[in-house]
Amino acid sequence: MEVYFIRHGQSEANLKGIIQGHADFPLSSLGKKQAVMVADYLSSVHIDALYSSDLSRAYDTALAIADGRTVKVSPWEMVREVALGPFEGISREQLIAQYPQFKTESLLTSGMPGTEPFESITARCRTTIDFLLKHHHSDRVAVVSHGGFISILLMYLMLKDQWFKAERPFIIGNTGMTLVEIDATGKSKVHYVNKQTHLEHRGGLLSSAVRY
């Protein structure tokens, strides 16, 4: 099984430096262009199934990928961003002013009160991989999700239930593509992480913003 994990295009919250989590912000105008670009890049790649987080920034990115294909987008709450509770809707600057440690640490793996528990994140990672293997063991699948969840999912594939003990090593940009091959036993091979070839040399379509 091959899985393309794709982060959504730039959202309005990304543009403004606002932390999202489960908060539902739409794509920005740049994000919509990025979605079209990643869709064009993948147009020659056969996809057997296409799943997306049900949050609009991911779902609308997936709709762009589905355009012109027979495959339809299946919304999937399992691959939502990590829930960040009381931190959703505030700026990164506000977060750091109150909690200076987040200049260098990731809120996603902080275990701060009100954020999604490690047990819940682990269960979602496990369920995601198990479901895909059960239903698509020999398919090529695309999953449009979020920077935080994709990063943690990669750590889960390497470290399983101990993923949270590692530093967060992966930064996933808007519409960054990560290709993972997973065999029937669950053994994984990562071909690349955060590939953004489709945005390079495209007149400012790369974006730098809050990553969750």
N, C-alpha and C. Protein backbone atom coordinates (compact mmCIF):
# COMPACT_ATOMS: atom_id res chain seq x y z
N MET A 1 0.84 -1.19 0.00
CA MET A 1 0.00 0.00 0.00
C MET A 1 0.88 1.24 0.00
N GLU A 2 0.55 2.18 -0.87
CA GLU A 2 1.22 3.48 -0.88
C GLU A 2 0.22 4.54 -0.42
N VAL A 3 0.66 5.40 0.48
CA VAL A 3 -0.21 6.46 0.99
C VAL A 3 0.49 7.80 0.81
N TYR A 4 -0.20 8.71 0.13
CA TYR A 4 0.24 10.10 0.05
C TYR A 4 -0.48 10.85 1.17
N PHE A 5 0.27 11.27 2.18
CA PHE A 5 -0.29 12.14 3.21
C PHE A 5 0.01 13.58 2.79
N ILE A 6 -1.03 14.37 2.63
CA ILE A 6 -0.90 15.72 2.08
C ILE A 6 -1.49 16.73 3.06
N ARG A 7 -0.69 17.72 3.40
CA ARG A 7 -1.23 18.78 4.26
C ARG A 7 -2.09 19.72 3.42
N HIS A 8 -3.09 20.31 4.04
CA HIS A 8 -3.97 21.27 3.37
C HIS A 8 -3.21 22.51 2.90
N GLY A 9 -3.83 23.28 2.00
CA GLY A 9 -3.27 24.56 1.59
C GLY A 9 -3.34 25.58 2.72
N GLN A 10 -2.68 26.69 2.50
CA GLN A 10 -2.67 27.74 3.52
C GLN A 10 -4.09 28.17 3.88
N SER A 11 -4.37 28.24 5.16
CA SER A 11 -5.69 28.69 5.63
C SER A 11 -5.61 30.16 6.03
N GLU A 12 -6.77 30.73 6.26
CA GLU A 12 -6.80 32.12 6.74
C GLU A 12 -6.10 32.24 8.09
N ALA A 13 -6.21 31.22 8.92
CA ALA A 13 -5.54 31.24 10.22
C ALA A 13 -4.02 31.13 10.06
N ASN A 14 -3.56 30.27 9.13
CA ASN A 14 -2.12 30.20 8.83
C ASN A 14 -1.60 31.57 8.44
N LEU A 15 -2.33 32.23 7.58
CA LEU A 15 -1.94 33.53 7.08
C LEU A 15 -1.78 34.55 8.20
N LYS A 16 -2.66 34.47 9.19
CA LYS A 16 -2.67 35.44 10.29
C LYS A 16 -1.86 34.98 11.50
N GLY A 17 -1.26 33.79 11.42
CA GLY A 17 -0.47 33.30 12.54
C GLY A 17 -1.29 32.80 13.71
N ILE A 18 -2.49 32.31 13.43
CA ILE A 18 -3.41 31.86 14.47
C ILE A 18 -3.36 30.34 14.60
N ILE A 19 -3.36 29.86 15.83
CA ILE A 19 -3.35 28.42 16.11
C ILE A 19 -4.74 27.86 15.84
N GLN A 20 -4.81 26.74 15.15
CA GLN A 20 -6.10 26.21 14.71
C GLN A 20 -6.55 24.98 15.50
N GLY A 21 -5.79 23.89 15.46
CA GLY A 21 -6.29 22.67 16.05
C GLY A 21 -7.57 22.24 15.35
N HIS A 22 -8.65 22.07 16.12
CA HIS A 22 -9.94 21.68 15.54
C HIS A 22 -10.75 22.89 15.05
N ALA A 23 -10.29 24.10 15.30
CA ALA A 23 -11.00 25.27 14.80
C ALA A 23 -11.02 25.23 13.27
N ASP A 24 -12.15 25.57 12.70
CA ASP A 24 -12.35 25.38 11.26
C ASP A 24 -12.20 26.71 10.51
N PHE A 25 -11.03 26.92 9.92
CA PHE A 25 -10.77 28.11 9.12
C PHE A 25 -10.68 27.72 7.65
N PRO A 26 -11.22 28.54 6.74
CA PRO A 26 -11.17 28.21 5.32
C PRO A 26 -9.80 28.46 4.71
N LEU A 27 -9.62 27.97 3.50
CA LEU A 27 -8.40 28.26 2.76
C LEU A 27 -8.31 29.74 2.45
N SER A 28 -7.10 30.27 2.46
CA SER A 28 -6.86 31.63 1.99
C SER A 28 -6.83 31.60 0.46
N SER A 29 -6.72 32.77 -0.15
CA SER A 29 -6.63 32.80 -1.62
C SER A 29 -5.36 32.09 -2.08
N LEU A 30 -4.27 32.25 -1.34
CA LEU A 30 -3.04 31.54 -1.66
C LEU A 30 -3.24 30.04 -1.47
N GLY A 31 -3.94 29.65 -0.40
CA GLY A 31 -4.19 28.24 -0.14
C GLY A 31 -4.97 27.56 -1.26
N LYS A 32 -5.91 28.29 -1.84
CA LYS A 32 -6.68 27.74 -2.96
C LYS A 32 -5.78 27.51 -4.17
N LYS A 33 -4.84 28.42 -4.41
CA LYS A 33 -3.90 28.25 -5.51
C LYS A 33 -2.97 27.06 -5.24
N GLN A 34 -2.53 26.93 -4.00
CA GLN A 34 -1.68 25.81 -3.64
C GLN A 34 -2.40 24.48 -3.85
N ALA A 35 -3.68 24.44 -3.52
CA ALA A 35 -4.47 23.22 -3.70
C ALA A 35 -4.54 22.82 -5.17
N VAL A 36 -4.72 23.80 -6.03
CA VAL A 36 -4.75 23.53 -7.47
C VAL A 36 -3.39 23.02 -7.94
N MET A 37 -2.32 23.61 -7.40
CA MET A 37 -0.98 23.20 -7.80
C MET A 37 -0.67 21.76 -7.39
N VAL A 38 -1.03 21.39 -6.17
CA VAL A 38 -0.76 20.01 -5.75
C VAL A 38 -1.64 19.04 -6.54
N ALA A 39 -2.86 19.47 -6.86
CA ALA A 39 -3.74 18.64 -7.67
C ALA A 39 -3.15 18.41 -9.07
N ASP A 40 -2.62 19.48 -9.66
CA ASP A 40 -2.00 19.36 -10.98
C ASP A 40 -0.79 18.43 -10.92
N TYR A 41 -0.01 18.56 -9.87
CA TYR A 41 1.20 17.74 -9.73
C TYR A 41 0.84 16.26 -9.64
N LEU A 42 -0.26 15.96 -8.95
CA LEU A 42 -0.66 14.57 -8.75
C LEU A 42 -1.58 14.03 -9.85
N SER A 43 -1.86 14.85 -10.85
CA SER A 43 -2.84 14.47 -11.88
C SER A 43 -2.45 13.22 -12.65
N SER A 44 -1.15 12.94 -12.74
CA SER A 44 -0.69 11.75 -13.46
C SER A 44 -0.55 10.53 -12.55
N VAL A 45 -0.85 10.70 -11.27
CA VAL A 45 -0.74 9.62 -10.30
C VAL A 45 -2.12 8.99 -10.10
N HIS A 46 -2.22 7.70 -10.36
CA HIS A 46 -3.49 7.02 -10.12
C HIS A 46 -3.74 6.90 -8.62
N ILE A 47 -4.93 7.27 -8.20
CA ILE A 47 -5.31 7.19 -6.79
C ILE A 47 -6.57 6.33 -6.68
N ASP A 48 -6.49 5.29 -5.86
CA ASP A 48 -7.62 4.38 -5.70
C ASP A 48 -8.65 4.88 -4.69
N ALA A 49 -8.20 5.65 -3.71
CA ALA A 49 -9.12 6.18 -2.69
C ALA A 49 -8.56 7.50 -2.18
N LEU A 50 -9.46 8.41 -1.84
CA LEU A 50 -9.08 9.74 -1.40
C LEU A 50 -9.86 10.09 -0.13
N TYR A 51 -9.12 10.25 0.96
CA TYR A 51 -9.72 10.60 2.24
C TYR A 51 -9.27 11.99 2.65
N SER A 52 -10.08 12.63 3.48
CA SER A 52 -9.73 13.96 3.96
C SER A 52 -10.28 14.19 5.35
N SER A 53 -9.53 14.91 6.14
CA SER A 53 -10.08 15.50 7.36
C SER A 53 -11.37 16.23 7.00
N ASP A 54 -12.31 16.22 7.92
CA ASP A 54 -13.58 16.90 7.65
C ASP A 54 -13.51 18.40 7.85
N LEU A 55 -12.38 18.93 8.33
CA LEU A 55 -12.23 20.38 8.46
C LEU A 55 -12.05 21.00 7.08
N SER A 56 -12.65 22.16 6.86
CA SER A 56 -12.80 22.68 5.50
C SER A 56 -11.47 22.96 4.81
N ARG A 57 -10.45 23.37 5.55
CA ARG A 57 -9.17 23.67 4.90
C ARG A 57 -8.57 22.42 4.25
N ALA A 58 -8.81 21.27 4.86
CA ALA A 58 -8.34 20.01 4.28
C ALA A 58 -9.31 19.50 3.22
N TYR A 59 -10.60 19.54 3.53
CA TYR A 59 -11.59 19.00 2.61
C TYR A 59 -11.58 19.74 1.27
N ASP A 60 -11.44 21.06 1.31
CA ASP A 60 -11.43 21.83 0.06
C ASP A 60 -10.15 21.56 -0.74
N THR A 61 -9.05 21.29 -0.05
CA THR A 61 -7.82 20.88 -0.73
C THR A 61 -8.04 19.53 -1.42
N ALA A 62 -8.71 18.62 -0.72
CA ALA A 62 -9.00 17.30 -1.30
C ALA A 62 -9.93 17.40 -2.50
N LEU A 63 -10.89 18.31 -2.43
CA LEU A 63 -11.80 18.49 -3.57
C LEU A 63 -11.03 18.91 -4.82
N ALA A 64 -10.01 19.74 -4.65
CA ALA A 64 -9.19 20.15 -5.79
C ALA A 64 -8.46 18.94 -6.38
N ILE A 65 -7.96 18.06 -5.51
CA ILE A 65 -7.27 16.86 -5.97
C ILE A 65 -8.24 15.91 -6.68
N ALA A 66 -9.46 15.85 -6.21
CA ALA A 66 -10.46 14.96 -6.80
C ALA A 66 -11.00 15.47 -8.13
N ASP A 67 -10.85 16.76 -8.40
CA ASP A 67 -11.42 17.35 -9.62
C ASP A 67 -10.87 16.65 -10.86
N GLY A 68 -11.76 16.16 -11.70
CA GLY A 68 -11.36 15.47 -12.92
C GLY A 68 -11.10 13.99 -12.74
N ARG A 69 -11.23 13.49 -11.53
CA ARG A 69 -11.04 12.06 -11.25
C ARG A 69 -12.40 11.40 -11.00
N THR A 70 -12.41 10.09 -11.12
CA THR A 70 -13.63 9.35 -10.77
C THR A 70 -13.72 9.13 -9.27
N VAL A 71 -12.59 9.14 -8.58
CA VAL A 71 -12.59 8.93 -7.14
C VAL A 71 -13.20 10.13 -6.43
N LYS A 72 -13.97 9.88 -5.39
CA LYS A 72 -14.61 10.93 -4.62
C LYS A 72 -13.91 11.11 -3.28
N VAL A 73 -14.10 12.27 -2.68
CA VAL A 73 -13.50 12.56 -1.38
C VAL A 73 -14.36 11.95 -0.27
N SER A 74 -13.72 11.17 0.59
CA SER A 74 -14.41 10.62 1.76
C SER A 74 -13.96 11.39 3.00
N PRO A 75 -14.84 12.21 3.60
CA PRO A 75 -14.45 12.94 4.81
C PRO A 75 -14.21 11.97 5.96
N TRP A 76 -13.16 12.23 6.73
CA TRP A 76 -12.73 11.28 7.75
C TRP A 76 -12.24 12.04 8.98
N GLU A 77 -13.06 12.07 10.00
CA GLU A 77 -12.73 12.80 11.22
C GLU A 77 -11.47 12.26 11.90
N MET A 78 -11.13 11.02 11.63
CA MET A 78 -9.98 10.37 12.27
C MET A 78 -8.68 11.11 12.00
N VAL A 79 -8.58 11.79 10.84
CA VAL A 79 -7.32 12.43 10.47
C VAL A 79 -7.37 13.96 10.65
N ARG A 80 -8.25 14.39 11.53
CA ARG A 80 -8.27 15.81 11.92
C ARG A 80 -6.95 16.21 12.57
N GLU A 81 -6.74 17.53 12.66
CA GLU A 81 -5.59 18.03 13.39
C GLU A 81 -5.72 17.67 14.87
N VAL A 82 -4.61 17.69 15.57
CA VAL A 82 -4.62 17.48 17.01
C VAL A 82 -5.43 18.60 17.66
N ALA A 83 -6.30 18.24 18.60
CA ALA A 83 -7.11 19.24 19.30
C ALA A 83 -6.24 20.01 20.29
N LEU A 84 -6.33 21.33 20.24
CA LEU A 84 -5.48 22.19 21.08
C LEU A 84 -6.29 23.02 22.06
N GLY A 85 -7.56 22.70 22.19
CA GLY A 85 -8.40 23.24 23.25
C GLY A 85 -8.31 24.74 23.44
N PRO A 86 -7.89 25.20 24.62
CA PRO A 86 -7.91 26.63 24.94
C PRO A 86 -6.94 27.47 24.11
N PHE A 87 -6.05 26.81 23.37
CA PHE A 87 -5.07 27.55 22.58
C PHE A 87 -5.56 27.82 21.16
N GLU A 88 -6.67 27.20 20.79
CA GLU A 88 -7.21 27.40 19.45
C GLU A 88 -7.78 28.82 19.33
N GLY A 89 -7.40 29.48 18.24
CA GLY A 89 -7.91 30.82 17.98
C GLY A 89 -7.03 31.94 18.48
N ILE A 90 -5.93 31.62 19.18
CA ILE A 90 -5.01 32.67 19.62
C ILE A 90 -3.79 32.66 18.70
N SER A 91 -3.04 33.75 18.72
CA SER A 91 -1.86 33.84 17.87
C SER A 91 -0.68 33.13 18.52
N ARG A 92 0.29 32.79 17.70
CA ARG A 92 1.50 32.18 18.24
C ARG A 92 2.22 33.15 19.17
N GLU A 93 2.17 34.44 18.86
CA GLU A 93 2.79 35.45 19.72
C GLU A 93 2.14 35.48 21.10
N GLN A 94 0.82 35.38 21.13
CA GLN A 94 0.12 35.33 22.42
C GLN A 94 0.51 34.08 23.21
N LEU A 95 0.63 32.95 22.49
CA LEU A 95 1.03 31.71 23.15
C LEU A 95 2.41 31.84 23.79
N ILE A 96 3.36 32.36 23.04
CA ILE A 96 4.74 32.47 23.54
C ILE A 96 4.84 33.49 24.66
N ALA A 97 4.04 34.54 24.60
CA ALA A 97 4.05 35.53 25.68
C ALA A 97 3.64 34.91 27.00
N GLN A 98 2.70 33.97 26.94
CA GLN A 98 2.22 33.32 28.16
C GLN A 98 3.06 32.10 28.53
N TYR A 99 3.56 31.39 27.49
CA TYR A 99 4.35 30.17 27.71
C TYR A 99 5.62 30.26 26.86
N PRO A 100 6.66 30.91 27.36
CA PRO A 100 7.88 31.13 26.57
C PRO A 100 8.55 29.84 26.08
N GLN A 101 8.27 28.73 26.73
CA GLN A 101 8.91 27.47 26.32
C GLN A 101 8.54 27.07 24.91
N PHE A 102 7.42 27.62 24.39
CA PHE A 102 6.98 27.22 23.06
C PHE A 102 7.72 27.96 21.95
N LYS A 103 8.74 28.74 22.32
CA LYS A 103 9.66 29.25 21.30
C LYS A 103 10.43 28.09 20.68
N THR A 104 10.70 27.06 21.47
CA THR A 104 11.49 25.92 21.01
C THR A 104 10.74 24.59 21.09
N GLU A 105 9.71 24.51 21.90
CA GLU A 105 8.96 23.27 22.07
C GLU A 105 7.70 23.30 21.22
N SER A 106 7.16 22.12 20.93
CA SER A 106 5.93 22.02 20.16
C SER A 106 4.73 21.90 21.09
N LEU A 107 3.73 22.72 20.87
CA LEU A 107 2.50 22.63 21.64
C LEU A 107 1.83 21.28 21.42
N LEU A 108 1.99 20.72 20.22
CA LEU A 108 1.33 19.46 19.87
C LEU A 108 1.71 18.32 20.82
N THR A 109 2.96 18.31 21.26
CA THR A 109 3.44 17.20 22.09
C THR A 109 3.72 17.65 23.53
N SER A 110 3.08 18.74 23.94
CA SER A 110 3.36 19.32 25.26
C SER A 110 2.60 18.65 26.39
N GLY A 111 1.44 18.05 26.06
CA GLY A 111 0.59 17.49 27.11
C GLY A 111 -0.06 18.56 27.97
N MET A 112 -0.15 19.79 27.46
CA MET A 112 -0.75 20.89 28.23
C MET A 112 -2.22 20.59 28.53
N PRO A 113 -2.70 21.00 29.70
CA PRO A 113 -4.12 20.80 30.03
C PRO A 113 -5.03 21.38 28.95
N GLY A 114 -6.03 20.63 28.58
CA GLY A 114 -6.98 21.08 27.58
C GLY A 114 -6.65 20.65 26.16
N THR A 115 -5.40 20.21 25.94
CA THR A 115 -5.06 19.70 24.61
C THR A 115 -5.39 18.21 24.53
N GLU A 116 -5.38 17.69 23.32
CA GLU A 116 -5.77 16.29 23.13
C GLU A 116 -4.79 15.36 23.83
N PRO A 117 -5.27 14.43 24.63
CA PRO A 117 -4.39 13.51 25.37
C PRO A 117 -3.58 12.63 24.42
N PHE A 118 -2.38 12.25 24.85
CA PHE A 118 -1.54 11.37 24.05
C PHE A 118 -2.28 10.08 23.69
N GLU A 119 -3.08 9.56 24.63
CA GLU A 119 -3.79 8.31 24.39
C GLU A 119 -4.76 8.44 23.21
N SER A 120 -5.41 9.58 23.12
CA SER A 120 -6.35 9.81 22.03
C SER A 120 -5.63 9.93 20.69
N ILE A 121 -4.52 10.67 20.68
CA ILE A 121 -3.74 10.83 19.44
C ILE A 121 -3.21 9.47 18.99
N THR A 122 -2.67 8.70 19.94
CA THR A 122 -2.13 7.37 19.62
C THR A 122 -3.21 6.48 19.02
N ALA A 123 -4.39 6.51 19.62
CA ALA A 123 -5.50 5.69 19.13
C ALA A 123 -5.89 6.10 17.71
N ARG A 124 -5.87 7.38 17.43
CA ARG A 124 -6.22 7.84 16.09
C ARG A 124 -5.18 7.40 15.06
N CYS A 125 -3.90 7.48 15.44
CA CYS A 125 -2.84 7.02 14.54
C CYS A 125 -3.00 5.53 14.25
N ARG A 126 -3.22 4.75 15.31
CA ARG A 126 -3.36 3.30 15.15
C ARG A 126 -4.57 2.96 14.28
N THR A 127 -5.68 3.62 14.54
CA THR A 127 -6.90 3.36 13.79
C THR A 127 -6.73 3.74 12.32
N THR A 128 -6.06 4.85 12.07
CA THR A 128 -5.83 5.30 10.69
C THR A 128 -5.06 4.25 9.90
N ILE A 129 -3.94 3.78 10.45
CA ILE A 129 -3.12 2.80 9.74
C ILE A 129 -3.85 1.47 9.60
N ASP A 130 -4.49 1.02 10.67
CA ASP A 130 -5.21 -0.26 10.62
C ASP A 130 -6.33 -0.24 9.59
N PHE A 131 -7.08 0.87 9.55
CA PHE A 131 -8.17 0.99 8.59
C PHE A 131 -7.65 0.97 7.15
N LEU A 132 -6.61 1.72 6.89
CA LEU A 132 -6.07 1.78 5.53
C LEU A 132 -5.55 0.42 5.09
N LEU A 133 -4.86 -0.28 5.99
CA LEU A 133 -4.35 -1.61 5.64
C LEU A 133 -5.49 -2.60 5.40
N LYS A 134 -6.53 -2.50 6.20
CA LYS A 134 -7.66 -3.43 6.06
C LYS A 134 -8.39 -3.23 4.74
N HIS A 135 -8.58 -1.99 4.34
CA HIS A 135 -9.42 -1.70 3.18
C HIS A 135 -8.63 -1.41 1.90
N HIS A 136 -7.33 -1.11 2.03
CA HIS A 136 -6.56 -0.68 0.86
C HIS A 136 -5.16 -1.28 0.84
N HIS A 137 -5.02 -2.53 1.24
CA HIS A 137 -3.69 -3.11 1.44
C HIS A 137 -2.84 -3.14 0.18
N SER A 138 -3.47 -3.13 -1.00
CA SER A 138 -2.69 -3.14 -2.24
C SER A 138 -2.98 -1.91 -3.11
N ASP A 139 -3.53 -0.86 -2.51
CA ASP A 139 -3.95 0.33 -3.24
C ASP A 139 -2.96 1.48 -3.07
N ARG A 140 -3.21 2.51 -3.87
CA ARG A 140 -2.53 3.79 -3.68
C ARG A 140 -3.60 4.78 -3.19
N VAL A 141 -3.35 5.35 -2.02
CA VAL A 141 -4.34 6.16 -1.33
C VAL A 141 -3.78 7.55 -1.08
N ALA A 142 -4.63 8.56 -1.14
CA ALA A 142 -4.25 9.91 -0.73
C ALA A 142 -5.08 10.30 0.48
N VAL A 143 -4.43 10.89 1.46
CA VAL A 143 -5.09 11.35 2.68
C VAL A 143 -4.70 12.80 2.90
N VAL A 144 -5.68 13.69 2.86
CA VAL A 144 -5.41 15.11 3.09
C VAL A 144 -5.69 15.41 4.56
N SER A 145 -4.66 15.89 5.23
CA SER A 145 -4.77 16.06 6.68
C SER A 145 -4.08 17.36 7.09
N HIS A 146 -3.40 17.33 8.21
CA HIS A 146 -2.87 18.54 8.84
C HIS A 146 -1.41 18.34 9.26
N GLY A 147 -0.68 19.44 9.35
CA GLY A 147 0.75 19.36 9.62
C GLY A 147 1.08 18.65 10.91
N GLY A 148 0.36 18.95 11.97
CA GLY A 148 0.63 18.32 13.25
C GLY A 148 0.34 16.84 13.23
N PHE A 149 -0.83 16.47 12.72
CA PHE A 149 -1.22 15.06 12.73
C PHE A 149 -0.32 14.23 11.82
N ILE A 150 0.03 14.74 10.65
CA ILE A 150 0.92 13.99 9.76
C ILE A 150 2.28 13.79 10.41
N SER A 151 2.79 14.83 11.04
CA SER A 151 4.09 14.72 11.72
C SER A 151 4.05 13.65 12.81
N ILE A 152 3.01 13.67 13.62
CA ILE A 152 2.89 12.68 14.69
C ILE A 152 2.68 11.29 14.12
N LEU A 153 1.91 11.18 13.05
CA LEU A 153 1.68 9.87 12.43
C LEU A 153 3.00 9.25 11.95
N LEU A 154 3.88 10.08 11.42
CA LEU A 154 5.19 9.59 11.00
C LEU A 154 5.99 9.10 12.21
N MET A 155 5.94 9.85 13.31
CA MET A 155 6.63 9.40 14.52
C MET A 155 6.02 8.10 15.04
N TYR A 156 4.69 7.99 14.93
CA TYR A 156 4.02 6.77 15.37
C TYR A 156 4.49 5.57 14.55
N LEU A 157 4.64 5.74 13.24
CA LEU A 157 5.09 4.64 12.39
C LEU A 157 6.48 4.14 12.80
N MET A 158 7.29 5.06 13.31
CA MET A 158 8.65 4.68 13.71
C MET A 158 8.72 4.17 15.15
N LEU A 159 7.94 4.79 16.04
CA LEU A 159 8.09 4.52 17.47
C LEU A 159 6.86 3.90 18.12
N LYS A 160 5.79 3.73 17.34
CA LYS A 160 4.53 3.19 17.85
C LYS A 160 4.06 4.00 19.07
N ASP A 161 3.63 3.33 20.13
CA ASP A 161 2.99 4.03 21.24
C ASP A 161 3.93 4.94 22.03
N GLN A 162 5.21 4.91 21.72
CA GLN A 162 6.19 5.75 22.41
C GLN A 162 6.52 7.02 21.61
N TRP A 163 5.74 7.33 20.59
CA TRP A 163 6.03 8.45 19.71
C TRP A 163 6.22 9.77 20.46
N PHE A 164 5.46 9.95 21.55
CA PHE A 164 5.46 11.24 22.25
C PHE A 164 6.75 11.50 23.03
N LYS A 165 7.62 10.49 23.13
CA LYS A 165 8.88 10.67 23.85
C LYS A 165 9.96 11.31 22.96
N ALA A 166 9.67 11.42 21.67
CA ALA A 166 10.62 11.97 20.73
C ALA A 166 10.34 13.45 20.49
N GLU A 167 11.38 14.18 20.10
CA GLU A 167 11.17 15.54 19.63
C GLU A 167 10.40 15.46 18.32
N ARG A 168 9.63 16.51 18.05
CA ARG A 168 8.90 16.52 16.79
C ARG A 168 9.87 16.87 15.65
N PRO A 169 10.27 15.88 14.83
CA PRO A 169 11.33 16.14 13.85
C PRO A 169 10.83 16.61 12.49
N PHE A 170 9.54 16.52 12.26
CA PHE A 170 9.04 16.77 10.91
C PHE A 170 8.21 18.06 10.87
N ILE A 171 8.55 18.92 9.95
CA ILE A 171 7.76 20.11 9.69
C ILE A 171 7.11 19.93 8.32
N ILE A 172 5.81 20.02 8.28
CA ILE A 172 5.06 19.81 7.04
C ILE A 172 4.47 21.14 6.59
N GLY A 173 4.89 21.62 5.42
CA GLY A 173 4.39 22.88 4.89
C GLY A 173 3.04 22.73 4.21
N ASN A 174 2.44 23.83 3.86
CA ASN A 174 1.14 23.79 3.19
C ASN A 174 1.22 23.04 1.87
N THR A 175 0.37 22.07 1.70
CA THR A 175 0.29 21.11 0.59
C THR A 175 1.58 20.29 0.45
N GLY A 176 2.38 20.21 1.50
CA GLY A 176 3.53 19.32 1.50
C GLY A 176 3.06 17.87 1.41
N MET A 177 3.73 17.09 0.56
CA MET A 177 3.35 15.70 0.32
C MET A 177 4.36 14.76 1.00
N THR A 178 3.84 13.75 1.66
CA THR A 178 4.67 12.73 2.30
C THR A 178 4.21 11.37 1.78
N LEU A 179 5.12 10.62 1.19
CA LEU A 179 4.77 9.32 0.61
C LEU A 179 5.31 8.20 1.49
N VAL A 180 4.40 7.34 1.95
CA VAL A 180 4.76 6.23 2.82
C VAL A 180 4.25 4.93 2.20
N GLU A 181 5.12 3.93 2.18
CA GLU A 181 4.75 2.60 1.73
C GLU A 181 4.63 1.70 2.95
N ILE A 182 3.50 1.00 3.08
CA ILE A 182 3.24 0.16 4.25
C ILE A 182 2.87 -1.23 3.78
N ASP A 183 3.59 -2.25 4.28
CA ASP A 183 3.27 -3.61 3.86
C ASP A 183 2.21 -4.23 4.76
N ALA A 184 1.83 -5.46 4.46
CA ALA A 184 0.71 -6.11 5.15
C ALA A 184 0.98 -6.32 6.63
N THR A 185 2.25 -6.34 7.02
CA THR A 185 2.61 -6.53 8.43
C THR A 185 2.64 -5.21 9.20
N GLY A 186 2.47 -4.10 8.48
CA GLY A 186 2.53 -2.79 9.12
C GLY A 186 3.89 -2.14 9.05
N LYS A 187 4.87 -2.83 8.45
CA LYS A 187 6.20 -2.25 8.30
C LYS A 187 6.15 -1.14 7.27
N SER A 188 6.74 0.00 7.59
CA SER A 188 6.62 1.16 6.72
C SER A 188 7.97 1.61 6.16
N LYS A 189 7.91 2.20 5.00
CA LYS A 189 9.07 2.82 4.36
C LYS A 189 8.66 4.21 3.92
N VAL A 190 9.36 5.22 4.42
CA VAL A 190 9.06 6.59 4.05
C VAL A 190 9.90 6.98 2.84
N HIS A 191 9.24 7.29 1.74
CA HIS A 191 9.96 7.66 0.52
C HIS A 191 10.39 9.12 0.54
N TYR A 192 9.53 9.99 1.03
CA TYR A 192 9.92 11.39 1.20
C TYR A 192 8.93 12.06 2.14
N VAL A 193 9.37 13.19 2.70
CA VAL A 193 8.57 13.96 3.66
C VAL A 193 8.50 15.41 3.19
N ASN A 194 7.30 15.97 3.19
CA ASN A 194 7.09 17.39 2.90
C ASN A 194 7.62 17.80 1.53
N LYS A 195 7.37 17.02 0.54
CA LYS A 195 7.78 17.37 -0.82
C LYS A 195 6.88 18.49 -1.34
N GLN A 196 7.50 19.59 -1.77
CA GLN A 196 6.73 20.74 -2.25
C GLN A 196 7.21 21.20 -3.62
N THR A 197 7.64 20.24 -4.42
CA THR A 197 8.12 20.54 -5.76
C THR A 197 7.11 21.35 -6.56
N HIS A 198 5.84 21.06 -6.33
CA HIS A 198 4.78 21.72 -7.10
C HIS A 198 4.68 23.22 -6.82
N LEU A 199 5.27 23.68 -5.72
CA LEU A 199 5.19 25.10 -5.35
C LEU A 199 6.49 25.86 -5.62
N GLU A 200 7.56 25.14 -5.86
CA GLU A 200 8.85 25.80 -6.07
C GLU A 200 8.88 26.54 -7.40
N HIS A 201 9.49 27.72 -7.36
CA HIS A 201 9.62 28.55 -8.57
C HIS A 201 8.25 28.91 -9.15
N ARG A 202 7.30 29.12 -8.24
CA ARG A 202 5.93 29.43 -8.69
C ARG A 202 5.50 30.83 -8.27
N GLY A 203 6.45 31.71 -8.10
CA GLY A 203 6.10 33.11 -7.83
C GLY A 203 5.45 33.33 -6.49
N GLY A 204 6.03 32.78 -5.42
CA GLY A 204 5.55 33.07 -4.07
C GLY A 204 4.46 32.17 -3.57
N LEU A 205 4.29 31.00 -4.16
CA LEU A 205 3.23 30.10 -3.70
C LEU A 205 3.63 29.31 -2.46
N LEU A 206 4.93 29.26 -2.15
CA LEU A 206 5.34 28.67 -0.89
C LEU A 206 4.91 29.59 0.24
N SER A 207 4.49 29.04 1.36
CA SER A 207 4.03 29.87 2.47
C SER A 207 4.72 29.43 3.75
N SER A 208 4.93 30.37 4.63
CA SER A 208 5.51 30.09 5.94
C SER A 208 4.54 30.60 6.98
N ALA A 209 4.04 29.70 7.83
CA ALA A 209 2.99 30.11 8.76
C ALA A 209 2.91 29.15 9.93
N VAL A 210 2.01 29.45 10.87
CA VAL A 210 1.74 28.53 11.97
C VAL A 210 1.40 27.16 11.40
N ARG A 211 1.96 26.11 11.99
CA ARG A 211 1.91 24.79 11.36
C ARG A 211 0.85 23.88 11.95
N TYR A 212 -0.07 24.37 12.80
CA TYR A 212 -1.12 23.51 13.33
C TYR A 212 -2.33 24.34 13.71
